[in-house]
Protein backbone atom coordinates (compact mmCIF):
# COMPACT_ATOMS: atom_id res chain seq x y z
CA MET A 1 37.57 -38.20 -51.18
CA ALA A 2 34.77 -40.64 -50.20
CA THR A 3 33.15 -43.31 -51.91
CA SER A 4 29.37 -43.80 -51.63
CA ASN A 5 28.88 -47.55 -51.34
CA ALA A 6 26.46 -48.13 -49.01
CA THR A 7 26.10 -51.66 -47.05
CA PRO A 8 25.04 -54.06 -49.11
CA ASN A 9 22.04 -56.19 -48.24
CA PHE A 10 20.44 -54.46 -46.14
CA ASP A 11 17.07 -55.17 -44.25
CA PRO A 12 15.12 -52.90 -42.28
CA ASP A 13 13.46 -55.93 -40.78
CA ASP A 14 16.71 -56.75 -38.96
CA PHE A 15 16.09 -53.38 -36.93
CA THR A 16 14.25 -52.90 -33.53
CA ASP A 17 15.12 -49.25 -33.56
CA PRO A 18 11.50 -47.92 -35.77
CA ALA A 19 13.40 -44.29 -36.39
CA GLN A 20 16.51 -46.49 -38.05
CA ALA A 21 14.24 -48.47 -39.68
CA ALA A 22 12.17 -45.66 -41.29
CA ILE A 23 14.99 -43.78 -42.53
CA ALA A 24 16.87 -46.71 -43.85
CA ALA A 25 13.29 -48.04 -45.86
CA ALA A 26 13.34 -44.57 -47.12
CA ILE A 27 16.91 -44.82 -48.41
CA ASP A 28 16.56 -48.08 -50.09
CA ARG A 29 13.51 -46.74 -52.09
CA LEU A 30 15.63 -43.68 -53.39
CA THR A 31 18.54 -46.01 -54.36
CA GLU A 32 16.19 -48.09 -55.98
CA ASN A 33 14.72 -44.89 -57.94
CA GLU A 34 18.13 -44.25 -58.95
CA LYS A 35 18.29 -47.73 -60.40
CA VAL A 36 15.26 -46.79 -62.30
CA LEU A 37 16.15 -43.49 -63.57
CA ALA A 38 19.76 -45.11 -64.92
CA ALA A 39 18.28 -47.74 -66.74
CA ALA A 40 15.48 -45.43 -68.21
CA GLN A 41 18.63 -43.22 -69.52
CA ALA A 42 20.12 -46.32 -70.94
CA GLU A 43 16.97 -47.28 -72.62
CA LYS A 44 16.51 -43.53 -74.23
CA ASN A 45 20.38 -43.85 -75.16
CA GLN A 46 19.70 -46.74 -77.38
CA ILE A 47 16.64 -45.38 -78.73
CA LEU A 48 18.46 -42.08 -79.96
CA ALA A 49 21.14 -43.75 -81.11
CA ASP A 50 18.46 -45.97 -83.30
CA ILE A 51 16.99 -42.67 -84.40
CA ASP A 52 20.50 -42.11 -85.70
CA LEU A 53 20.77 -45.00 -87.69
CA LEU A 54 17.47 -44.91 -88.97
CA GLY A 55 18.82 -41.56 -90.81
CA ARG A 56 21.50 -43.34 -91.90
CA LYS A 57 19.52 -46.16 -94.01
CA THR A 58 19.51 -45.93 -97.81
CA TYR A 59 15.30 -46.37 -98.09
CA ILE A 60 15.03 -43.82 -94.77
CA ARG A 61 17.28 -40.99 -96.46
CA ASP A 62 15.35 -41.39 -100.01
CA ARG A 63 12.27 -40.50 -97.84
CA LEU A 64 13.80 -37.61 -96.30
CA ARG A 65 14.94 -35.71 -99.17
CA GLY A 66 12.32 -32.51 -100.34
CA ASN A 67 11.46 -31.16 -103.44
CA PRO A 68 14.52 -30.28 -105.32
CA ALA A 69 12.48 -27.33 -107.22
CA GLU A 70 12.22 -25.61 -104.17
CA THR A 71 15.74 -26.05 -102.73
CA GLY A 72 16.97 -22.54 -104.41
CA TRP A 73 19.22 -22.26 -107.09
CA ASN A 74 21.89 -20.68 -104.79
CA SER A 75 21.60 -23.39 -101.70
CA SER A 76 24.00 -25.93 -101.11
CA PRO A 77 22.67 -29.07 -100.91
CA TRP A 78 22.78 -31.17 -97.81
CA ASP A 79 24.64 -34.73 -98.83
CA ASP A 80 23.11 -37.81 -97.54
CA GLU A 81 24.53 -37.90 -94.11
CA GLU A 82 24.04 -34.42 -93.39
CA LEU A 83 20.49 -34.77 -94.37
CA GLY A 84 19.87 -37.98 -92.32
CA ARG A 85 21.45 -36.55 -89.27
CA ARG A 86 19.49 -33.02 -89.61
CA THR A 87 16.35 -34.68 -90.28
CA MET A 88 16.58 -36.83 -86.99
CA ALA A 89 17.31 -34.56 -84.93
CA ALA A 90 14.88 -32.27 -86.05
CA GLU A 91 12.08 -35.24 -85.38
CA VAL A 92 13.60 -35.40 -81.73
CA ALA A 93 13.59 -31.67 -81.00
CA PHE A 94 10.02 -31.55 -82.18
CA ALA A 95 8.97 -34.67 -80.42
CA LEU A 96 10.69 -33.40 -77.09
CA ARG A 97 9.90 -29.68 -77.34
CA LEU A 98 13.65 -28.97 -77.52
CA ASN A 99 15.82 -26.53 -79.38
CA ARG A 100 17.24 -28.41 -82.95
CA ASN A 101 20.94 -27.65 -81.51
CA THR A 102 20.02 -29.10 -78.26
CA ALA A 103 18.61 -32.12 -79.99
CA GLY A 104 21.42 -32.90 -82.14
CA ILE A 105 24.22 -33.03 -79.38
CA MET A 106 21.62 -35.11 -77.22
CA VAL A 107 21.25 -37.65 -80.40
CA PHE A 108 25.16 -37.40 -80.92
CA GLU A 109 26.22 -38.09 -77.27
CA ALA A 110 23.52 -40.93 -77.10
CA THR A 111 25.33 -42.52 -79.94
CA ARG A 112 28.74 -42.21 -78.79
CA PHE A 113 28.12 -43.45 -75.79
CA VAL A 114 26.02 -46.48 -76.76
CA GLY A 115 28.60 -47.18 -79.82
CA GLN A 116 31.82 -46.36 -78.41
CA LEU A 117 31.54 -47.47 -74.43
CA PRO A 118 29.03 -50.46 -74.31
CA SER A 119 30.20 -51.15 -70.96
CA PHE A 120 29.09 -48.39 -69.52
CA GLN A 121 25.83 -48.43 -71.22
CA LYS A 122 25.30 -51.65 -69.91
CA ALA A 123 26.11 -50.25 -66.54
CA LEU A 124 23.63 -47.54 -66.90
CA SER A 125 21.25 -50.37 -67.66
CA GLU A 126 22.00 -52.24 -64.59
CA GLY A 127 21.53 -49.20 -62.68
CA THR A 128 25.65 -49.72 -61.19
CA ILE A 129 26.39 -45.95 -62.54
CA SER A 130 24.56 -42.81 -62.87
CA TRP A 131 23.91 -41.28 -65.44
CA SER A 132 25.79 -38.28 -63.88
CA HIS A 133 28.57 -40.75 -63.79
CA ALA A 134 27.75 -41.82 -67.63
CA ARG A 135 28.07 -37.92 -68.54
CA LYS A 136 31.14 -37.61 -66.88
CA MET A 137 32.87 -40.50 -68.71
CA LEU A 138 31.43 -38.65 -72.17
CA GLU A 139 33.21 -35.60 -70.90
CA VAL A 140 36.53 -37.24 -70.36
CA THR A 141 36.54 -39.52 -73.83
CA GLU A 142 36.16 -36.24 -75.49
CA ASN A 143 38.93 -36.04 -78.49
CA LEU A 144 40.22 -39.30 -76.84
CA PRO A 145 41.33 -41.60 -80.05
CA VAL A 146 38.82 -44.49 -80.75
CA GLU A 147 41.76 -47.02 -80.94
CA VAL A 148 42.38 -46.89 -77.01
CA LEU A 149 39.00 -46.38 -75.89
CA PRO A 150 38.44 -50.06 -75.07
CA ALA A 151 40.95 -50.53 -72.72
CA PHE A 152 40.48 -47.06 -71.09
CA GLU A 153 36.61 -47.98 -70.34
CA ARG A 154 37.78 -51.55 -69.01
CA GLN A 155 40.16 -49.65 -66.65
CA VAL A 156 37.67 -46.83 -65.19
CA LEU A 157 34.47 -48.72 -64.85
CA PRO A 158 35.08 -50.25 -61.45
CA ALA A 159 35.98 -46.83 -60.39
CA ALA A 160 32.72 -45.34 -61.97
CA LYS A 161 30.59 -48.10 -60.04
CA LYS A 162 32.67 -47.19 -56.42
CA TYR A 163 33.33 -43.25 -56.42
CA THR A 164 31.53 -40.16 -56.23
CA VAL A 165 31.08 -38.56 -59.80
CA THR A 166 33.91 -35.88 -58.91
CA ARG A 167 36.51 -38.64 -58.13
CA PHE A 168 35.44 -41.06 -60.58
CA GLY A 169 35.76 -38.45 -62.95
CA GLN A 170 39.66 -37.73 -60.91
CA ALA A 171 40.67 -41.47 -61.81
CA ALA A 172 39.21 -41.42 -65.17
CA VAL A 173 41.46 -38.50 -65.79
CA LYS A 174 45.14 -40.12 -64.69
CA VAL A 175 44.04 -43.17 -66.87
CA ARG A 176 43.28 -40.92 -69.65
CA GLU A 177 46.87 -39.29 -69.47
CA ARG A 178 48.39 -42.65 -69.18
CA LEU A 179 46.61 -43.85 -72.34
CA HIS A 180 46.57 -41.05 -74.85
CA PRO A 181 49.30 -41.30 -77.25
CA VAL A 182 49.92 -37.88 -77.21
CA PRO A 183 52.54 -36.70 -74.89
CA LEU A 184 50.88 -34.47 -72.29
CA GLU A 185 53.82 -32.05 -72.96
CA GLU A 186 52.48 -31.60 -76.59
CA ARG A 187 48.75 -31.26 -75.71
CA ALA A 188 49.47 -28.60 -72.97
CA ALA A 189 51.71 -26.61 -75.39
CA VAL A 190 48.86 -26.61 -77.75
CA SER A 191 46.33 -25.44 -75.13
CA GLN A 192 48.18 -22.92 -73.54
CA LYS A 193 47.78 -20.96 -76.90
CA ASP A 194 44.26 -20.52 -76.13
CA ARG A 195 44.69 -19.23 -73.03
CA ARG A 196 42.63 -15.95 -72.50
CA VAL A 197 40.31 -13.64 -70.01
CA TRP A 198 36.96 -12.70 -70.89
CA VAL A 199 33.54 -11.66 -69.20
CA GLU A 200 30.10 -13.07 -69.70
CA PRO A 201 27.31 -10.69 -68.70
CA ASP A 202 24.69 -11.77 -66.15
CA LEU A 203 21.48 -10.57 -64.88
CA ASN A 204 20.92 -7.91 -61.94
CA GLY A 205 23.99 -5.71 -63.19
CA MET A 206 26.55 -8.47 -62.87
CA ALA A 207 28.74 -10.77 -64.52
CA TRP A 208 30.97 -13.68 -64.83
CA MET A 209 35.04 -13.11 -65.19
CA LYS A 210 36.75 -16.08 -66.37
CA ALA A 211 40.12 -17.23 -67.23
CA TYR A 212 41.53 -19.86 -69.17
CA MET A 213 45.20 -20.79 -67.87
CA LYS A 214 47.56 -23.88 -66.97
CA VAL A 215 45.68 -25.24 -64.22
CA ASP A 216 48.79 -24.99 -61.52
CA ASP A 217 48.43 -21.34 -62.32
CA ALA A 218 44.84 -21.57 -61.66
CA GLN A 219 45.22 -23.14 -58.67
CA ALA A 220 48.09 -21.14 -57.13
CA VAL A 221 45.90 -17.85 -57.45
CA PHE A 222 42.68 -19.21 -56.31
CA ASP A 223 44.85 -20.26 -52.84
CA ARG A 224 46.08 -17.20 -52.68
CA LEU A 225 42.80 -15.66 -52.87
CA THR A 226 41.69 -17.92 -50.24
CA ARG A 227 44.54 -17.02 -47.83
CA MET A 228 44.27 -13.31 -47.88
CA ALA A 229 40.14 -13.83 -47.67
CA LYS A 230 40.94 -15.66 -44.28
CA ASN A 231 42.91 -12.81 -42.94
CA LEU A 232 39.38 -10.34 -42.92
CA ASP A 233 38.57 -10.43 -39.47
CA GLU A 234 34.99 -9.91 -39.49
CA SER A 235 33.87 -11.04 -36.31
CA ASP A 236 33.15 -7.89 -34.44
CA LEU A 237 30.43 -7.05 -37.31
CA PRO A 238 26.90 -8.51 -36.72
CA MET A 239 26.12 -11.74 -38.38
CA ASP A 240 24.08 -10.13 -41.11
CA GLU A 241 27.03 -7.99 -42.24
CA GLN A 242 29.71 -10.56 -42.56
CA ARG A 243 30.40 -11.72 -45.81
CA THR A 244 30.82 -15.38 -46.56
CA MET A 245 34.03 -16.76 -47.89
CA ASP A 246 32.98 -16.77 -51.31
CA GLN A 247 32.30 -12.98 -51.37
CA ARG A 248 35.40 -12.04 -49.50
CA ARG A 249 37.46 -13.80 -52.36
CA THR A 250 35.26 -12.12 -54.65
CA ASP A 251 36.13 -8.66 -53.02
CA VAL A 252 39.76 -9.35 -52.57
CA TYR A 253 39.80 -10.50 -56.32
CA ARG A 254 38.60 -7.06 -57.34
CA ASP A 255 40.97 -4.92 -54.91
CA LEU A 256 44.03 -6.76 -56.41
CA LEU A 257 42.66 -6.27 -59.85
CA VAL A 258 41.70 -2.68 -59.86
CA ASP A 259 44.00 -1.26 -57.12
CA GLY A 260 46.60 -3.53 -57.11
CA VAL A 261 46.46 -4.49 -53.82
CA GLY A 262 43.51 -5.13 -51.28
CA PRO A 263 42.65 -3.04 -48.27
CA ASP A 264 45.63 -1.72 -46.40
CA GLY A 265 48.08 -3.67 -48.16
CA LEU A 266 46.25 -7.10 -47.90
CA GLY A 267 47.86 -9.73 -49.46
CA GLN A 268 51.59 -8.70 -49.15
CA GLY A 269 53.62 -11.62 -48.63
CA ILE A 270 51.05 -14.33 -49.34
CA ARG A 271 51.54 -16.70 -51.76
CA GLY A 272 49.14 -19.54 -53.08
CA THR A 273 50.64 -23.11 -52.49
CA VAL A 274 49.65 -26.02 -54.24
CA SER A 275 51.33 -29.67 -54.09
CA ILE A 276 52.71 -31.98 -56.91
CA THR A 277 53.33 -35.57 -56.45
CA VAL A 278 56.37 -36.49 -58.89
CA PRO A 279 57.96 -40.19 -59.93
CA VAL A 280 61.14 -40.12 -59.15
CA LEU A 281 62.30 -40.59 -62.71
CA THR A 282 60.28 -38.07 -63.88
CA LEU A 283 62.16 -35.56 -61.29
CA LEU A 284 66.05 -36.90 -62.51
CA GLY A 285 64.38 -36.33 -66.56
CA GLN A 286 65.03 -40.22 -66.85
CA SER A 287 60.89 -40.12 -67.70
CA ASN A 288 58.35 -38.24 -68.98
CA GLU A 289 55.20 -39.84 -66.82
CA PRO A 290 52.75 -36.93 -65.45
CA ALA A 291 52.95 -35.65 -62.19
CA ILE A 292 49.90 -35.15 -60.11
CA LEU A 293 48.39 -31.76 -58.98
CA ASN A 294 47.20 -31.85 -55.60
CA GLY A 295 46.35 -35.54 -55.22
CA HIS A 296 44.35 -35.89 -58.93
CA VAL A 297 44.94 -33.16 -62.04
CA PRO A 298 47.56 -34.61 -64.36
CA ILE A 299 50.56 -31.88 -65.06
CA ASP A 300 53.18 -32.20 -67.66
CA ALA A 301 56.96 -33.58 -66.48
CA GLU A 302 58.29 -30.52 -67.52
CA THR A 303 56.13 -28.21 -65.41
CA ALA A 304 56.59 -30.81 -62.54
CA ARG A 305 60.41 -30.41 -62.81
CA GLU A 306 60.32 -26.71 -63.26
CA ILE A 307 57.97 -26.67 -60.06
CA ALA A 308 60.15 -28.61 -57.68
CA GLY A 309 63.46 -26.97 -58.60
CA THR A 310 62.92 -23.68 -58.60
CA ALA A 311 58.97 -22.92 -56.49
CA THR A 312 60.01 -23.00 -52.51
CA SER A 313 56.06 -22.32 -52.36
CA PHE A 314 55.32 -25.98 -53.44
CA THR A 315 55.11 -29.02 -51.05
CA ARG A 316 57.59 -31.69 -53.16
CA ILE A 317 56.35 -35.47 -52.96
CA LEU A 318 58.90 -38.27 -54.33
CA VAL A 319 57.16 -41.51 -54.84
CA HIS A 320 58.49 -44.56 -56.34
CA PRO A 321 57.59 -45.08 -60.08
CA GLU A 322 56.41 -48.83 -59.44
CA THR A 323 54.84 -48.89 -55.95
CA GLY A 324 53.90 -45.50 -55.52
CA CYS A 325 55.27 -45.49 -52.02
CA THR A 326 56.36 -42.23 -50.89
CA LEU A 327 60.23 -41.92 -50.48
CA SER A 328 60.57 -38.22 -48.66
CA VAL A 329 58.01 -35.63 -48.27
CA GLY A 330 59.98 -32.13 -48.27
CA ARG A 331 60.28 -30.09 -44.80
CA GLU A 332 61.03 -26.85 -45.97
CA SER A 333 57.39 -25.65 -45.37
CA TYR A 334 56.49 -27.71 -41.97
CA SER A 335 55.61 -25.57 -38.84
CA PRO A 336 54.02 -27.38 -35.02
CA PRO A 337 52.80 -29.65 -35.23
CA ALA A 338 53.85 -29.89 -39.17
CA GLU A 339 54.87 -33.36 -39.61
CA LEU A 340 51.54 -35.04 -38.65
CA LYS A 341 49.29 -32.29 -39.69
CA LYS A 342 51.13 -32.25 -43.56
CA TYR A 343 51.38 -36.10 -43.60
CA THR A 344 47.61 -36.02 -42.98
CA GLU A 345 46.92 -33.25 -45.16
CA ILE A 346 48.78 -35.10 -48.34
CA ARG A 347 47.07 -38.59 -47.29
CA ASP A 348 43.63 -36.99 -47.37
CA GLY A 349 43.64 -34.75 -50.22
CA THR A 350 39.92 -33.23 -49.36
CA CYS A 351 37.49 -33.56 -46.89
CA ARG A 352 36.99 -37.09 -45.87
CA ALA A 353 32.95 -37.04 -45.58
CA PRO A 354 31.07 -39.07 -48.52
CA GLY A 355 30.82 -37.11 -51.73
CA CYS A 356 32.82 -33.65 -50.53
CA ASN A 357 35.62 -32.49 -52.31
CA ARG A 358 36.98 -29.53 -50.19
CA GLN A 359 40.82 -29.39 -50.18
CA ALA A 360 42.16 -30.89 -46.73
CA THR A 361 44.13 -27.41 -46.26
CA HIS A 362 41.12 -25.63 -46.27
CA SER A 363 39.30 -28.14 -43.58
CA ASP A 364 39.53 -29.08 -39.76
CA LEU A 365 41.60 -31.95 -38.63
CA ASP A 366 39.20 -34.26 -36.42
CA HIS A 367 39.63 -37.12 -33.94
CA THR A 368 37.79 -39.29 -35.19
CA GLN A 369 37.77 -41.08 -31.43
CA PRO A 370 37.31 -37.80 -29.70
CA TRP A 371 40.12 -37.16 -27.32
CA SER A 372 37.59 -36.69 -24.60
CA ASP A 373 36.76 -40.20 -24.93
CA GLY A 374 40.28 -41.46 -24.92
CA GLY A 375 41.25 -40.78 -28.55
CA THR A 376 44.95 -40.20 -29.83
CA THR A 377 46.44 -37.33 -31.59
CA SER A 378 48.25 -39.83 -34.29
CA ALA A 379 47.41 -39.86 -37.65
CA ASP A 380 45.42 -43.33 -37.48
CA ASN A 381 42.84 -41.12 -35.45
CA LEU A 382 42.91 -37.99 -37.73
CA ALA A 383 41.22 -37.00 -40.79
CA HIS A 384 40.08 -33.87 -42.49
CA LEU A 385 36.58 -32.72 -42.37
CA CYS A 386 35.52 -29.21 -43.82
CA PRO A 387 33.48 -26.99 -41.42
CA PRO A 388 29.98 -27.92 -42.63
CA CYS A 389 30.92 -31.66 -42.89
CA HIS A 390 32.79 -31.35 -38.91
CA ARG A 391 29.33 -29.81 -37.73
CA LEU A 392 27.85 -32.59 -39.10
CA LYS A 393 29.24 -35.38 -37.25
CA HIS A 394 29.28 -33.50 -34.20
CA GLN A 395 25.59 -32.31 -34.25
CA SER A 396 24.29 -35.49 -35.82
CA SER A 397 24.12 -39.21 -35.11
CA PHE A 398 26.73 -39.84 -37.71
CA THR A 399 29.53 -41.55 -36.31
CA THR A 400 33.10 -42.40 -38.05
CA SER A 401 35.58 -45.01 -37.41
CA GLN A 402 39.38 -45.04 -38.54
CA LYS A 403 41.42 -48.24 -40.17
CA PRO A 404 45.20 -47.95 -39.62
CA ASN A 405 45.31 -47.46 -43.38
CA GLY A 406 43.64 -44.59 -42.96
CA ASP A 407 40.13 -45.94 -44.50
CA LEU A 408 37.18 -43.83 -42.82
CA VAL A 409 33.87 -45.46 -42.39
CA TRP A 410 31.00 -43.16 -42.09
CA THR A 411 27.23 -44.82 -40.57
CA SER A 412 24.46 -43.01 -40.81
CA PRO A 413 21.54 -42.31 -38.95
CA SER A 414 20.05 -45.66 -40.82
CA GLY A 415 22.61 -47.75 -40.06
CA LYS A 416 24.32 -47.92 -43.33
CA GLU A 417 27.87 -47.45 -44.08
CA TYR A 418 29.63 -45.68 -46.57
CA LEU A 419 33.16 -46.05 -46.86
CA THR A 420 35.83 -42.97 -47.89
CA GLU A 421 39.15 -43.71 -48.60
CA PRO A 422 42.22 -41.01 -48.74
CA ALA A 423 43.65 -39.39 -51.60
CA SER A 424 47.11 -41.65 -51.19
CA TYR A 425 48.30 -44.42 -49.09
CA ILE A 426 51.89 -42.86 -48.13
CA GLY A 427 53.57 -45.37 -45.96
CA ASP A 428 53.99 -45.54 -42.44
CA PRO A 429 53.03 -41.76 -40.93
CA PRO A 430 55.10 -39.92 -37.92
CA PRO A 431 54.65 -41.41 -34.71
CA PRO A 432 51.76 -39.75 -32.41
CA VAL A 433 52.42 -36.59 -31.01
CA ALA A 434 52.68 -36.78 -26.96
CA ASP A 435 51.37 -34.04 -24.56
CA VAL A 436 48.89 -32.61 -26.94
CA PRO A 437 46.52 -30.21 -25.07
CA ALA A 438 42.88 -31.80 -25.12
CA GLU A 439 40.75 -31.07 -28.01
CA PRO A 440 37.95 -28.69 -26.67
CA PRO A 441 34.27 -29.71 -27.83
CA PRO A 442 33.31 -28.12 -30.89
CA THR A 443 31.93 -24.79 -31.01
CA ILE A 444 28.81 -24.65 -32.59
CA PRO A 445 26.20 -21.72 -32.87
CA PRO A 446 22.82 -22.78 -32.56
CA ASP A 447 20.54 -21.88 -35.40
CA PRO A 448 18.96 -18.96 -35.77
CA LEU A 449 16.68 -19.60 -38.00
CA PRO A 450 13.17 -20.33 -36.53
CA ASP A 451 11.10 -22.64 -38.62
CA ALA A 452 8.90 -19.92 -40.00
CA VAL A 453 11.52 -18.08 -41.60
CA ASP A 454 11.02 -17.70 -45.50
CA ASP A 455 12.76 -20.57 -47.57
CA GLU A 456 14.64 -17.64 -49.60
CA VAL A 457 16.47 -16.60 -46.23
CA LYS A 458 17.14 -20.29 -45.34
CA LYS A 459 18.75 -20.76 -48.29
CA ALA A 460 20.92 -17.78 -47.57
CA GLU A 461 22.47 -19.33 -44.31
CA PHE A 462 23.23 -22.63 -45.85
CA ARG A 463 24.70 -21.22 -48.17
CA ARG A 464 26.86 -19.30 -45.43
CA GLU A 465 27.46 -22.79 -43.91
CA SER A 466 28.55 -24.64 -47.06
CA ASP A 467 30.89 -22.18 -48.29
CA GLU A 468 32.82 -24.78 -50.75
CA LEU A 469 35.97 -24.94 -52.37
CA PRO A 470 36.65 -25.94 -56.44
CA PRO A 471 37.62 -29.79 -56.41
CA PHE A 472 41.31 -28.73 -57.87
């Protein structure tokens, strides 16, 4: 997973390359614009909170009341609080041409953000976090007891300033689980009662089919669909007849549920897999500290113990409860050259390009320093890149360098640097693999689309290239 911090104090005048300086100057304008937008949103939050406060003032409420004679004998009158809240929301809705419910939610969220998350509001006003980060903070603090919010805000703000929205959300959820006064097992048991499957009709004869279930089950289902979809060989078909990964995954999903099995028995013997990180004391039943699914999703201790003890399709990772240092990685699922590959999969967690969340298990293993240039097949020279990001590295002037601890530094065509951190720092890697055949240069088909092709066709081709897995 990647952070997105560009090199600070960048001065385009330091560069003699005109192309590099031009790109860098444009990127600097963009980042400054983002700061302006963040500050404007912070000001908007404060204005909305002030409007909500006006609706709570007695002298304002007195002017908001209608004519009692016109309320109707069978109408339930609004109390003072509801009167102020509804009237102020209507004012905002009319002024901004919004639905009143939408405006009411906007006022409520802004008021909660300003009142309960003052450090995040300050950071937003200074442009050190984006509004997207702020909205993620609102999401992860929903239903979190007010008394733990100050400590929660203090612990997660550095991550919001450093990471992408997705990575920040993952880090914040971990802290949320540590601070929440209600044990995860109790909350999971309550939430599991709400499990369900439902259909939402959409346009053009299509629909969404959704399921609400335990996160480890959902991940295993999705992983199995992906593995089955990859087994569908369509290389002999013309490019315009080949299905994207999303399309294949959907077709397999339909075949399994409607027919019980995929075409020609596809799917038999294929099982979804996930990795869980379990504190030693939790595994031994001496602690209820949550385990972590696939690097960032907390699961309750009982589920973790069940998975680690009975499910052979899961990789078991034992970590020290204080230092987080890896003590043991299960070897039952390794296959040549499995030790090194499994090590880097667990270390990386996802594609190591800035902002990308595709799982490492569905990404390519790239030599940071190319084999042809003397690079070694070793943990400190290997990093997972999903196919689109892998292609970006090889087809553009983006470059990467790797530090011994697994940190990966991307240098953009503008000369800016972006640091991406591994999901886990897990101790010493296995020794380098000897006598590994040379890595062939990446086979990247030429772009078949001329400049004059219709925009919609370009969008479809880009979608084919960037099939993305959800960031479980």
